[in-house]
Amino acid sequence: MILVAGPYRSGTNDDPALIEANVKQMTSASLAVYRRGHIPMMGEWVALPLIEEAGSKAMGDDIFNEIFHPIAANLIDFCDGVVRIGGASAGADYMLEVARDKGKTVYMQLEEIPEYK
């Protein structure tokens, strides 16, 4: 399993259309990971439904911050590695730091991920 780490809110000023474009980019990367024979994972897939269920009222509120990055960081325990995609993102860079601290493989490009069949 490989976590896809990229910008979510970074550079969007919380514009929903720009955030959606960032999620689309991570989802496309996830498909590429899958096609290389791995199980892709995105923190957003787990965090966003939980954030909604917990009653978050606004992006970046206390509930959002309680769940969003921490869940992705915890998911790394179950992943073999993390791939970094997209532009500037403190959150995505934090995921790389967590991955390295946990001894996980970090890929800076999708093409670095070995095929696994």
PDB file of N, CA and C in Angstrom:
ATOM      1  N   MET A   1       0.853  -1.168   0.000  1.00  0.00           N
ATOM      2  CA  MET A   1       0.000   0.000   0.000  1.00  0.00           C
ATOM      3  C   MET A   1       0.899   1.231   0.000  1.00  0.00           C
ATOM      4  N   ILE A   2       0.544   2.197  -0.829  1.00  0.00           N
ATOM      5  CA  ILE A   2       1.327   3.426  -0.954  1.00  0.00           C
ATOM      6  C   ILE A   2       0.408   4.625  -0.771  1.00  0.00           C
ATOM      7  N   LEU A   3       0.771   5.490   0.183  1.00  0.00           N
ATOM      8  CA  LEU A   3       0.021   6.715   0.438  1.00  0.00           C
ATOM      9  C   LEU A   3       0.406   7.764  -0.594  1.00  0.00           C
ATOM     10  N   VAL A   4      -0.586   8.387  -1.201  1.00  0.00           N
ATOM     11  CA  VAL A   4      -0.368   9.487  -2.138  1.00  0.00           C
ATOM     12  C   VAL A   4      -0.498  10.786  -1.354  1.00  0.00           C
ATOM     13  N   ALA A   5       0.587  11.557  -1.315  1.00  0.00           N
ATOM     14  CA  ALA A   5       0.618  12.815  -0.569  1.00  0.00           C
ATOM     15  C   ALA A   5       0.796  13.972  -1.546  1.00  0.00           C
ATOM     16  N   GLY A   6      -0.166  14.863  -1.541  1.00  0.00           N
ATOM     17  CA  GLY A   6      -0.100  16.045  -2.398  1.00  0.00           C
ATOM     18  C   GLY A   6      -0.889  17.167  -1.767  1.00  0.00           C
ATOM     19  N   PRO A   7      -0.895  18.318  -2.413  1.00  0.00           N
ATOM     20  CA  PRO A   7      -1.642  19.453  -1.867  1.00  0.00           C
ATOM     21  C   PRO A   7      -3.133  19.164  -1.813  1.00  0.00           C
ATOM     22  N   TYR A   8      -3.755  19.594  -0.749  1.00  0.00           N
ATOM     23  CA  TYR A   8      -5.205  19.551  -0.623  1.00  0.00           C
ATOM     24  C   TYR A   8      -5.727  20.993  -0.599  1.00  0.00           C
ATOM     25  N   ARG A   9      -5.398  21.724   0.451  1.00  0.00           N
ATOM     26  CA  ARG A   9      -5.822  23.129   0.565  1.00  0.00           C
ATOM     27  C   ARG A   9      -4.767  24.102   0.068  1.00  0.00           C
ATOM     28  N   SER A  10      -3.514  23.701   0.039  1.00  0.00           N
ATOM     29  CA  SER A  10      -2.415  24.607  -0.286  1.00  0.00           C
ATOM     30  C   SER A  10      -2.651  25.324  -1.610  1.00  0.00           C
ATOM     31  N   GLY A  11      -2.483  26.624  -1.573  1.00  0.00           N
ATOM     32  CA  GLY A  11      -2.600  27.432  -2.773  1.00  0.00           C
ATOM     33  C   GLY A  11      -4.015  27.622  -3.288  1.00  0.00           C
ATOM     34  N   THR A  12      -5.015  27.214  -2.508  1.00  0.00           N
ATOM     35  CA  THR A  12      -6.396  27.285  -2.984  1.00  0.00           C
ATOM     36  C   THR A  12      -7.206  28.418  -2.362  1.00  0.00           C
ATOM     37  N   ASN A  13      -6.723  28.994  -1.278  1.00  0.00           N
ATOM     38  CA  ASN A  13      -7.516  29.959  -0.511  1.00  0.00           C
ATOM     39  C   ASN A  13      -8.875  29.357  -0.157  1.00  0.00           C
ATOM     40  N   ASP A  14      -8.876  28.031   0.017  1.00  0.00           N
ATOM     41  CA  ASP A  14     -10.069  27.238   0.337  1.00  0.00           C
ATOM     42  C   ASP A  14     -11.166  27.333  -0.715  1.00  0.00           C
ATOM     43  N   ASP A  15     -10.785  27.608  -1.967  1.00  0.00           N
ATOM     44  CA  ASP A  15     -11.735  27.611  -3.090  1.00  0.00           C
ATOM     45  C   ASP A  15     -12.102  26.160  -3.410  1.00  0.00           C
ATOM     46  N   PRO A  16     -13.379  25.791  -3.288  1.00  0.00           N
ATOM     47  CA  PRO A  16     -13.783  24.398  -3.499  1.00  0.00           C
ATOM     48  C   PRO A  16     -13.380  23.831  -4.869  1.00  0.00           C
ATOM     49  N   ALA A  17     -13.417  24.636  -5.901  1.00  0.00           N
ATOM     50  CA  ALA A  17     -13.043  24.143  -7.233  1.00  0.00           C
ATOM     51  C   ALA A  17     -11.558  23.802  -7.292  1.00  0.00           C
ATOM     52  N   LEU A  18     -10.727  24.609  -6.659  1.00  0.00           N
ATOM     53  CA  LEU A  18      -9.284  24.339  -6.650  1.00  0.00           C
ATOM     54  C   LEU A  18      -8.961  23.137  -5.764  1.00  0.00           C
ATOM     55  N   ILE A  19      -9.660  23.010  -4.648  1.00  0.00           N
ATOM     56  CA  ILE A  19      -9.472  21.836  -3.791  1.00  0.00           C
ATOM     57  C   ILE A  19      -9.879  20.579  -4.547  1.00  0.00           C
ATOM     58  N   GLU A  20     -10.994  20.652  -5.262  1.00  0.00           N
ATOM     59  CA  GLU A  20     -11.445  19.508  -6.068  1.00  0.00           C
ATOM     60  C   GLU A  20     -10.400  19.134  -7.116  1.00  0.00           C
ATOM     61  N   ALA A  21      -9.767  20.134  -7.719  1.00  0.00           N
ATOM     62  CA  ALA A  21      -8.707  19.861  -8.706  1.00  0.00           C
ATOM     63  C   ALA A  21      -7.528  19.157  -8.040  1.00  0.00           C
ATOM     64  N   ASN A  22      -7.190  19.559  -6.822  1.00  0.00           N
ATOM     65  CA  ASN A  22      -6.102  18.895  -6.097  1.00  0.00           C
ATOM     66  C   ASN A  22      -6.462  17.442  -5.789  1.00  0.00           C
ATOM     67  N   VAL A  23      -7.701  17.207  -5.371  1.00  0.00           N
ATOM     68  CA  VAL A  23      -8.138  15.839  -5.080  1.00  0.00           C
ATOM     69  C   VAL A  23      -8.123  15.009  -6.361  1.00  0.00           C
ATOM     70  N   LYS A  24      -8.535  15.602  -7.460  1.00  0.00           N
ATOM     71  CA  LYS A  24      -8.517  14.898  -8.756  1.00  0.00           C
ATOM     72  C   LYS A  24      -7.086  14.496  -9.120  1.00  0.00           C
ATOM     73  N   GLN A  25      -6.133  15.383  -8.886  1.00  0.00           N
ATOM     74  CA  GLN A  25      -4.733  15.067  -9.175  1.00  0.00           C
ATOM     75  C   GLN A  25      -4.245  13.901  -8.309  1.00  0.00           C
ATOM     76  N   MET A  26      -4.617  13.898  -7.024  1.00  0.00           N
ATOM     77  CA  MET A  26      -4.215  12.791  -6.158  1.00  0.00           C
ATOM     78  C   MET A  26      -4.924  11.493  -6.542  1.00  0.00           C
ATOM     79  N   THR A  27      -6.181  11.608  -6.969  1.00  0.00           N
ATOM     80  CA  THR A  27      -6.925  10.421  -7.388  1.00  0.00           C
ATOM     81  C   THR A  27      -6.318   9.834  -8.663  1.00  0.00           C
ATOM     82  N   SER A  28      -5.931  10.687  -9.597  1.00  0.00           N
ATOM     83  CA  SER A  28      -5.266  10.212 -10.820  1.00  0.00           C
ATOM     84  C   SER A  28      -3.947   9.526 -10.490  1.00  0.00           C
ATOM     85  N   ALA A  29      -3.202  10.101  -9.551  1.00  0.00           N
ATOM     86  CA  ALA A  29      -1.954   9.476  -9.112  1.00  0.00           C
ATOM     87  C   ALA A  29      -2.237   8.139  -8.440  1.00  0.00           C
ATOM     88  N   SER A  30      -3.328   8.067  -7.695  1.00  0.00           N
ATOM     89  CA  SER A  30      -3.699   6.809  -7.038  1.00  0.00           C
ATOM     90  C   SER A  30      -3.979   5.716  -8.070  1.00  0.00           C
ATOM     91  N   LEU A  31      -4.614   6.076  -9.159  1.00  0.00           N
ATOM     92  CA  LEU A  31      -4.855   5.109 -10.226  1.00  0.00           C
ATOM     93  C   LEU A  31      -3.532   4.637 -10.823  1.00  0.00           C
ATOM     94  N   ALA A  32      -2.586   5.548 -10.993  1.00  0.00           N
ATOM     95  CA  ALA A  32      -1.269   5.166 -11.503  1.00  0.00           C
ATOM     96  C   ALA A  32      -0.563   4.210 -10.541  1.00  0.00           C
ATOM     97  N   VAL A  33      -0.685   4.461  -9.249  1.00  0.00           N
ATOM     98  CA  VAL A  33      -0.109   3.561  -8.238  1.00  0.00           C
ATOM     99  C   VAL A  33      -0.745   2.177  -8.368  1.00  0.00           C
ATOM    100  N   TYR A  34      -2.054   2.144  -8.501  1.00  0.00           N
ATOM    101  CA  TYR A  34      -2.771   0.880  -8.662  1.00  0.00           C
ATOM    102  C   TYR A  34      -2.305   0.130  -9.909  1.00  0.00           C
ATOM    103  N   ARG A  35      -2.144   0.871 -10.978  1.00  0.00           N
ATOM    104  CA  ARG A  35      -1.731   0.234 -12.235  1.00  0.00           C
ATOM    105  C   ARG A  35      -0.292  -0.263 -12.193  1.00  0.00           C
ATOM    106  N   ARG A  36       0.470   0.180 -11.214  1.00  0.00           N
ATOM    107  CA  ARG A  36       1.828  -0.347 -11.012  1.00  0.00           C
ATOM    108  C   ARG A  36       1.787  -1.579 -10.103  1.00  0.00           C
ATOM    109  N   GLY A  37       0.576  -1.971  -9.686  1.00  0.00           N
ATOM    110  CA  GLY A  37       0.413  -3.198  -8.924  1.00  0.00           C
ATOM    111  C   GLY A  37       0.305  -3.025  -7.418  1.00  0.00           C
ATOM    112  N   HIS A  38       0.143  -1.803  -6.961  1.00  0.00           N
ATOM    113  CA  HIS A  38       0.072  -1.520  -5.524  1.00  0.00           C
ATOM    114  C   HIS A  38      -1.332  -1.062  -5.143  1.00  0.00           C
ATOM    115  N   ILE A  39      -1.622  -1.063  -3.865  1.00  0.00           N
ATOM    116  CA  ILE A  39      -2.880  -0.524  -3.361  1.00  0.00           C
ATOM    117  C   ILE A  39      -2.630   0.941  -2.992  1.00  0.00           C
ATOM    118  N   PRO A  40      -3.321   1.858  -3.654  1.00  0.00           N
ATOM    119  CA  PRO A  40      -3.147   3.269  -3.295  1.00  0.00           C
ATOM    120  C   PRO A  40      -3.974   3.629  -2.072  1.00  0.00           C
ATOM    121  N   MET A  41      -3.524   4.637  -1.364  1.00  0.00           N
ATOM    122  CA  MET A  41      -4.270   5.160  -0.219  1.00  0.00           C
ATOM    123  C   MET A  41      -4.129   6.678  -0.230  1.00  0.00           C
ATOM    124  N   MET A  42      -5.226   7.344   0.075  1.00  0.00           N
ATOM    125  CA  MET A  42      -5.209   8.796   0.268  1.00  0.00           C
ATOM    126  C   MET A  42      -5.798   9.092   1.638  1.00  0.00           C
ATOM    127  N   GLY A  43      -5.143   9.928   2.402  1.00  0.00           N
ATOM    128  CA  GLY A  43      -5.673  10.307   3.702  1.00  0.00           C
ATOM    129  C   GLY A  43      -7.054  10.923   3.591  1.00  0.00           C
ATOM    130  N   GLU A  44      -7.305  11.628   2.494  1.00  0.00           N
ATOM    131  CA  GLU A  44      -8.601  12.278   2.284  1.00  0.00           C
ATOM    132  C   GLU A  44      -9.736  11.254   2.250  1.00  0.00           C
ATOM    133  N   TRP A  45      -9.465  10.077   1.702  1.00  0.00           N
ATOM    134  CA  TRP A  45     -10.503   9.042   1.614  1.00  0.00           C
ATOM    135  C   TRP A  45     -10.996   8.619   2.994  1.00  0.00           C
ATOM    136  N   VAL A  46     -10.125   8.685   3.962  1.00  0.00           N
ATOM    137  CA  VAL A  46     -10.491   8.282   5.323  1.00  0.00           C
ATOM    138  C   VAL A  46     -10.914   9.497   6.151  1.00  0.00           C
ATOM    139  N   ALA A  47     -10.160  10.575   6.044  1.00  0.00           N
ATOM    140  CA  ALA A  47     -10.376  11.725   6.918  1.00  0.00           C
ATOM    141  C   ALA A  47     -11.656  12.498   6.618  1.00  0.00           C
ATOM    142  N   LEU A  48     -11.939  12.753   5.360  1.00  0.00           N
ATOM    143  CA  LEU A  48     -13.054  13.653   5.040  1.00  0.00           C
ATOM    144  C   LEU A  48     -14.416  13.142   5.521  1.00  0.00           C
ATOM    145  N   PRO A  49     -14.744  11.861   5.339  1.00  0.00           N
ATOM    146  CA  PRO A  49     -16.029  11.401   5.893  1.00  0.00           C
ATOM    147  C   PRO A  49     -16.072  11.496   7.423  1.00  0.00           C
ATOM    148  N   LEU A  50     -14.944  11.241   8.072  1.00  0.00           N
ATOM    149  CA  LEU A  50     -14.914  11.341   9.532  1.00  0.00           C
ATOM    150  C   LEU A  50     -15.068  12.792   9.988  1.00  0.00           C
ATOM    151  N   ILE A  51     -14.437  13.698   9.276  1.00  0.00           N
ATOM    152  CA  ILE A  51     -14.541  15.125   9.596  1.00  0.00           C
ATOM    153  C   ILE A  51     -15.992  15.577   9.486  1.00  0.00           C
ATOM    154  N   GLU A  52     -16.651  15.152   8.428  1.00  0.00           N
ATOM    155  CA  GLU A  52     -18.068  15.500   8.259  1.00  0.00           C
ATOM    156  C   GLU A  52     -18.915  14.901   9.382  1.00  0.00           C
ATOM    157  N   GLU A  53     -18.689  13.627   9.671  1.00  0.00           N
ATOM    158  CA  GLU A  53     -19.469  12.944  10.714  1.00  0.00           C
ATOM    159  C   GLU A  53     -19.245  13.577  12.086  1.00  0.00           C
ATOM    160  N   ALA A  54     -18.029  14.067  12.321  1.00  0.00           N
ATOM    161  CA  ALA A  54     -17.712  14.673  13.621  1.00  0.00           C
ATOM    162  C   ALA A  54     -18.319  16.063  13.786  1.00  0.00           C
ATOM    163  N   GLY A  55     -18.885  16.607  12.700  1.00  0.00           N
ATOM    164  CA  GLY A  55     -19.579  17.882  12.820  1.00  0.00           C
ATOM    165  C   GLY A  55     -18.773  19.107  12.473  1.00  0.00           C
ATOM    166  N   SER A  56     -17.715  18.945  11.709  1.00  0.00           N
ATOM    167  CA  SER A  56     -16.934  20.103  11.284  1.00  0.00           C
ATOM    168  C   SER A  56     -17.841  21.093  10.554  1.00  0.00           C
ATOM    169  N   LYS A  57     -17.668  22.348  10.866  1.00  0.00           N
ATOM    170  CA  LYS A  57     -18.488  23.408  10.254  1.00  0.00           C
ATOM    171  C   LYS A  57     -17.724  24.181   9.182  1.00  0.00           C
ATOM    172  N   ALA A  58     -16.402  24.126   9.229  1.00  0.00           N
ATOM    173  CA  ALA A  58     -15.596  24.885   8.271  1.00  0.00           C
ATOM    174  C   ALA A  58     -14.231  24.229   8.119  1.00  0.00           C
ATOM    175  N   MET A  59     -13.733  24.273   6.894  1.00  0.00           N
ATOM    176  CA  MET A  59     -12.402  23.740   6.640  1.00  0.00           C
ATOM    177  C   MET A  59     -11.393  24.466   7.524  1.00  0.00           C
ATOM    178  N   GLY A  60     -10.594  23.694   8.236  1.00  0.00           N
ATOM    179  CA  GLY A  60      -9.587  24.276   9.113  1.00  0.00           C
ATOM    180  C   GLY A  60     -10.078  24.541  10.526  1.00  0.00           C
ATOM    181  N   ASP A  61     -11.333  24.171  10.826  1.00  0.00           N
ATOM    182  CA  ASP A  61     -11.793  24.350  12.202  1.00  0.00           C
ATOM    183  C   ASP A  61     -11.147  23.291  13.097  1.00  0.00           C
ATOM    184  N   ASP A  62     -11.444  23.339  14.385  1.00  0.00           N
ATOM    185  CA  ASP A  62     -10.791  22.432  15.335  1.00  0.00           C
ATOM    186  C   ASP A  62     -11.031  20.964  14.991  1.00  0.00           C
ATOM    187  N   ILE A  63     -12.256  20.632  14.584  1.00  0.00           N
ATOM    188  CA  ILE A  63     -12.557  19.245  14.238  1.00  0.00           C
ATOM    189  C   ILE A  63     -11.753  18.814  13.018  1.00  0.00           C
ATOM    190  N   PHE A  64     -11.720  19.653  12.007  1.00  0.00           N
ATOM    191  CA  PHE A  64     -10.938  19.360  10.803  1.00  0.00           C
ATOM    192  C   PHE A  64      -9.482  19.097  11.184  1.00  0.00           C
ATOM    193  N   ASN A  65      -8.904  19.993  11.959  1.00  0.00           N
ATOM    194  CA  ASN A  65      -7.492  19.871  12.331  1.00  0.00           C
ATOM    195  C   ASN A  65      -7.222  18.672  13.233  1.00  0.00           C
ATOM    196  N   GLU A  66      -8.201  18.280  14.034  1.00  0.00           N
ATOM    197  CA  GLU A  66      -8.058  17.103  14.898  1.00  0.00           C
ATOM    198  C   GLU A  66      -7.882  15.824  14.073  1.00  0.00           C
ATOM    199  N   ILE A  67      -8.491  15.788  12.888  1.00  0.00           N
ATOM    200  CA  ILE A  67      -8.566  14.549  12.122  1.00  0.00           C
ATOM    201  C   ILE A  67      -7.707  14.547  10.863  1.00  0.00           C
ATOM    202  N   PHE A  68      -7.670  15.640  10.109  1.00  0.00           N
ATOM    203  CA  PHE A  68      -7.149  15.622   8.740  1.00  0.00           C
ATOM    204  C   PHE A  68      -5.712  15.106   8.615  1.00  0.00           C
ATOM    205  N   HIS A  69      -4.743  15.805   9.138  1.00  0.00           N
ATOM    206  CA  HIS A  69      -3.349  15.344   9.022  1.00  0.00           C
ATOM    207  C   HIS A  69      -3.037  14.157   9.938  1.00  0.00           C
ATOM    208  N   PRO A  70      -3.566  14.141  11.165  1.00  0.00           N
ATOM    209  CA  PRO A  70      -3.250  12.995  12.019  1.00  0.00           C
ATOM    210  C   PRO A  70      -3.665  11.644  11.427  1.00  0.00           C
ATOM    211  N   ILE A  71      -4.805  11.591  10.756  1.00  0.00           N
ATOM    212  CA  ILE A  71      -5.229  10.294  10.219  1.00  0.00           C
ATOM    213  C   ILE A  71      -4.291   9.845   9.108  1.00  0.00           C
ATOM    214  N   ALA A  72      -3.857  10.779   8.271  1.00  0.00           N
ATOM    215  CA  ALA A  72      -2.924  10.422   7.196  1.00  0.00           C
ATOM    216  C   ALA A  72      -1.588   9.965   7.786  1.00  0.00           C
ATOM    217  N   ALA A  73      -1.122  10.664   8.797  1.00  0.00           N
ATOM    218  CA  ALA A  73       0.136  10.270   9.431  1.00  0.00           C
ATOM    219  C   ALA A  73       0.024   8.872  10.038  1.00  0.00           C
ATOM    220  N   ASN A  74      -1.117   8.556  10.622  1.00  0.00           N
ATOM    221  CA  ASN A  74      -1.318   7.220  11.187  1.00  0.00           C
ATOM    222  C   ASN A  74      -1.439   6.154  10.106  1.00  0.00           C
ATOM    223  N   LEU A  75      -2.030   6.500   8.979  1.00  0.00           N
ATOM    224  CA  LEU A  75      -2.141   5.542   7.874  1.00  0.00           C
ATOM    225  C   LEU A  75      -0.777   5.067   7.387  1.00  0.00           C
ATOM    226  N   ILE A  76       0.220   5.911   7.518  1.00  0.00           N
ATOM    227  CA  ILE A  76       1.565   5.556   7.053  1.00  0.00           C
ATOM    228  C   ILE A  76       2.064   4.288   7.746  1.00  0.00           C
ATOM    229  N   ASP A  77       1.618   4.029   8.963  1.00  0.00           N
ATOM    230  CA  ASP A  77       2.004   2.795   9.648  1.00  0.00           C
ATOM    231  C   ASP A  77       1.633   1.558   8.834  1.00  0.00           C
ATOM    232  N   PHE A  78       0.565   1.645   8.065  1.00  0.00           N
ATOM    233  CA  PHE A  78       0.046   0.506   7.322  1.00  0.00           C
ATOM    234  C   PHE A  78       0.485   0.501   5.855  1.00  0.00           C
ATOM    235  N   CYS A  79       1.270   1.498   5.474  1.00  0.00           N
ATOM    236  CA  CYS A  79       1.730   1.630   4.089  1.00  0.00           C
ATOM    237  C   CYS A  79       3.200   1.218   3.980  1.00  0.00           C
ATOM    238  N   ASP A  80       3.558   0.776   2.786  1.00  0.00           N
ATOM    239  CA  ASP A  80       4.955   0.444   2.514  1.00  0.00           C
ATOM    240  C   ASP A  80       5.748   1.680   2.139  1.00  0.00           C
ATOM    241  N   GLY A  81       5.043   2.697   1.648  1.00  0.00           N
ATOM    242  CA  GLY A  81       5.722   3.904   1.234  1.00  0.00           C
ATOM    243  C   GLY A  81       4.752   5.034   0.989  1.00  0.00           C
ATOM    244  N   VAL A  82       5.323   6.184   0.633  1.00  0.00           N
ATOM    245  CA  VAL A  82       4.570   7.399   0.333  1.00  0.00           C
ATOM    246  C   VAL A  82       5.129   7.970  -0.956  1.00  0.00           C
ATOM    247  N   VAL A  83       4.219   8.423  -1.838  1.00  0.00           N
ATOM    248  CA  VAL A  83       4.651   9.118  -3.046  1.00  0.00           C
ATOM    249  C   VAL A  83       4.167  10.563  -2.945  1.00  0.00           C
ATOM    250  N   ARG A  84       5.058  11.480  -3.241  1.00  0.00           N
ATOM    251  CA  ARG A  84       4.770  12.928  -3.180  1.00  0.00           C
ATOM    252  C   ARG A  84       4.451  13.410  -4.578  1.00  0.00           C
ATOM    253  N   ILE A  85       3.303  14.053  -4.727  1.00  0.00           N
ATOM    254  CA  ILE A  85       2.933  14.612  -6.021  1.00  0.00           C
ATOM    255  C   ILE A  85       2.554  16.079  -5.846  1.00  0.00           C
ATOM    256  N   GLY A  86       2.442  16.776  -6.960  1.00  0.00           N
ATOM    257  CA  GLY A  86       1.904  18.129  -6.964  1.00  0.00           C
ATOM    258  C   GLY A  86       2.863  19.185  -6.466  1.00  0.00           C
ATOM    259  N   GLY A  87       2.283  20.365  -6.248  1.00  0.00           N
ATOM    260  CA  GLY A  87       3.065  21.539  -5.869  1.00  0.00           C
ATOM    261  C   GLY A  87       3.283  21.664  -4.380  1.00  0.00           C
ATOM    262  N   ALA A  88       3.544  22.894  -3.983  1.00  0.00           N
ATOM    263  CA  ALA A  88       3.868  23.194  -2.593  1.00  0.00           C
ATOM    264  C   ALA A  88       2.748  22.757  -1.656  1.00  0.00           C
ATOM    265  N   SER A  89       3.145  22.109  -0.552  1.00  0.00           N
ATOM    266  CA  SER A  89       2.179  21.674   0.454  1.00  0.00           C
ATOM    267  C   SER A  89       2.916  21.294   1.724  1.00  0.00           C
ATOM    268  N   ALA A  90       2.700  22.075   2.771  1.00  0.00           N
ATOM    269  CA  ALA A  90       3.325  21.755   4.055  1.00  0.00           C
ATOM    270  C   ALA A  90       2.815  20.417   4.573  1.00  0.00           C
ATOM    271  N   GLY A  91       1.528  20.132   4.369  1.00  0.00           N
ATOM    272  CA  GLY A  91       0.955  18.874   4.838  1.00  0.00           C
ATOM    273  C   GLY A  91       1.556  17.670   4.135  1.00  0.00           C
ATOM    274  N   ALA A  92       1.696  17.761   2.807  1.00  0.00           N
ATOM    275  CA  ALA A  92       2.288  16.650   2.052  1.00  0.00           C
ATOM    276  C   ALA A  92       3.750  16.469   2.439  1.00  0.00           C
ATOM    277  N   ASP A  93       4.450  17.570   2.633  1.00  0.00           N
ATOM    278  CA  ASP A  93       5.845  17.466   3.062  1.00  0.00           C
ATOM    279  C   ASP A  93       5.948  16.847   4.453  1.00  0.00           C
ATOM    280  N   TYR A  94       4.987  17.150   5.302  1.00  0.00           N
ATOM    281  CA  TYR A  94       4.952  16.537   6.636  1.00  0.00           C
ATOM    282  C   TYR A  94       4.773  15.025   6.522  1.00  0.00           C
ATOM    283  N   MET A  95       3.950  14.578   5.573  1.00  0.00           N
ATOM    284  CA  MET A  95       3.756  13.132   5.386  1.00  0.00           C
ATOM    285  C   MET A  95       5.078  12.465   4.997  1.00  0.00           C
ATOM    286  N   LEU A  96       5.895  13.133   4.200  1.00  0.00           N
ATOM    287  CA  LEU A  96       7.209  12.574   3.840  1.00  0.00           C
ATOM    288  C   LEU A  96       8.106  12.470   5.071  1.00  0.00           C
ATOM    289  N   GLU A  97       8.064  13.497   5.902  1.00  0.00           N
ATOM    290  CA  GLU A  97       8.861  13.484   7.139  1.00  0.00           C
ATOM    291  C   GLU A  97       8.434  12.322   8.035  1.00  0.00           C
ATOM    292  N   VAL A  98       7.132  12.141   8.189  1.00  0.00           N
ATOM    293  CA  VAL A  98       6.615  11.047   9.006  1.00  0.00           C
ATOM    294  C   VAL A  98       7.038   9.704   8.416  1.00  0.00           C
ATOM    295  N   ALA A  99       6.906   9.589   7.103  1.00  0.00           N
ATOM    296  CA  ALA A  99       7.278   8.332   6.432  1.00  0.00           C
ATOM    297  C   ALA A  99       8.751   8.013   6.661  1.00  0.00           C
ATOM    298  N   ARG A 100       9.608   8.989   6.503  1.00  0.00           N
ATOM    299  CA  ARG A 100      11.051   8.758   6.711  1.00  0.00           C
ATOM    300  C   ARG A 100      11.334   8.370   8.153  1.00  0.00           C
ATOM    301  N   ASP A 101      10.676   9.060   9.100  1.00  0.00           N
ATOM    302  CA  ASP A 101      10.864   8.745  10.521  1.00  0.00           C
ATOM    303  C   ASP A 101      10.433   7.313  10.841  1.00  0.00           C
ATOM    304  N   LYS A 102       9.455   6.809  10.092  1.00  0.00           N
ATOM    305  CA  LYS A 102       8.942   5.454  10.318  1.00  0.00           C
ATOM    306  C   LYS A 102       9.649   4.421   9.452  1.00  0.00           C
ATOM    307  N   GLY A 103      10.690   4.851   8.723  1.00  0.00           N
ATOM    308  CA  GLY A 103      11.471   3.929   7.908  1.00  0.00           C
ATOM    309  C   GLY A 103      10.773   3.480   6.630  1.00  0.00           C
ATOM    310  N   LYS A 104       9.808   4.251   6.176  1.00  0.00           N
ATOM    311  CA  LYS A 104       9.077   3.903   4.965  1.00  0.00           C
ATOM    312  C   LYS A 104       9.798   4.457   3.737  1.00  0.00           C
ATOM    313  N   THR A 105       9.551   3.850   2.601  1.00  0.00           N
ATOM    314  CA  THR A 105      10.129   4.319   1.351  1.00  0.00           C
ATOM    315  C   THR A 105       9.390   5.567   0.899  1.00  0.00           C
ATOM    316  N   VAL A 106      10.140   6.549   0.437  1.00  0.00           N
ATOM    317  CA  VAL A 106       9.561   7.782  -0.091  1.00  0.00           C
ATOM    318  C   VAL A 106       9.904   7.872  -1.567  1.00  0.00           C
ATOM    319  N   TYR A 107       8.878   8.093  -2.364  1.00  0.00           N
ATOM    320  CA  TYR A 107       9.037   8.282  -3.808  1.00  0.00           C
ATOM    321  C   TYR A 107       8.693   9.728  -4.129  1.00  0.00           C
ATOM    322  N   MET A 108       9.508  10.346  -4.955  1.00  0.00           N
ATOM    323  CA  MET A 108       9.261  11.728  -5.348  1.00  0.00           C
ATOM    324  C   MET A 108       8.591  11.824  -6.716  1.00  0.00           C
ATOM    325  N   GLN A 109       8.487  10.707  -7.394  1.00  0.00           N
ATOM    326  CA  GLN A 109       7.802  10.649  -8.684  1.00  0.00           C
ATOM    327  C   GLN A 109       7.122   9.291  -8.795  1.00  0.00           C
ATOM    328  N   LEU A 110       5.999   9.269  -9.487  1.00  0.00           N
ATOM    329  CA  LEU A 110       5.278   8.006  -9.676  1.00  0.00           C
ATOM    330  C   LEU A 110       6.145   6.975 -10.381  1.00  0.00           C
ATOM    331  N   GLU A 111       6.976   7.430 -11.294  1.00  0.00           N
ATOM    332  CA  GLU A 111       7.808   6.513 -12.077  1.00  0.00           C
ATOM    333  C   GLU A 111       8.846   5.786 -11.225  1.00  0.00           C
ATOM    334  N   GLU A 112       9.130   6.294 -10.035  1.00  0.00           N
ATOM    335  CA  GLU A 112      10.088   5.635  -9.138  1.00  0.00           C
ATOM    336  C   GLU A 112       9.496   4.391  -8.484  1.00  0.00           C
ATOM    337  N   ILE A 113       8.180   4.287  -8.466  1.00  0.00           N
ATOM    338  CA  ILE A 113       7.519   3.162  -7.802  1.00  0.00           C
ATOM    339  C   ILE A 113       7.712   1.910  -8.640  1.00  0.00           C
ATOM    340  N   PRO A 114       8.308   0.873  -8.072  1.00  0.00           N
ATOM    341  CA  PRO A 114       8.520  -0.340  -8.849  1.00  0.00           C
ATOM    342  C   PRO A 114       7.194  -1.029  -9.165  1.00  0.00           C
ATOM    343  N   GLU A 115       7.175  -1.696 -10.297  1.00  0.00           N
ATOM    344  CA  GLU A 115       5.978  -2.474 -10.644  1.00  0.00           C
ATOM    345  C   GLU A 115       5.936  -3.707  -9.762  1.00  0.00           C
ATOM    346  N   TYR A 116       4.755  -4.027  -9.311  1.00  0.00           N
ATOM    347  CA  TYR A 116       4.555  -5.174  -8.425  1.00  0.00           C
ATOM    348  C   TYR A 116       3.374  -5.953  -8.990  1.00  0.00           C
ATOM    349  N   LYS A 117       3.655  -7.142  -9.435  1.00  0.00           N
ATOM    350  CA  LYS A 117       2.585  -7.957 -10.054  1.00  0.00           C
ATOM    351  C   LYS A 117       2.478  -9.284  -9.367  1.00  0.00           C
TER     352      LYS A 117
END
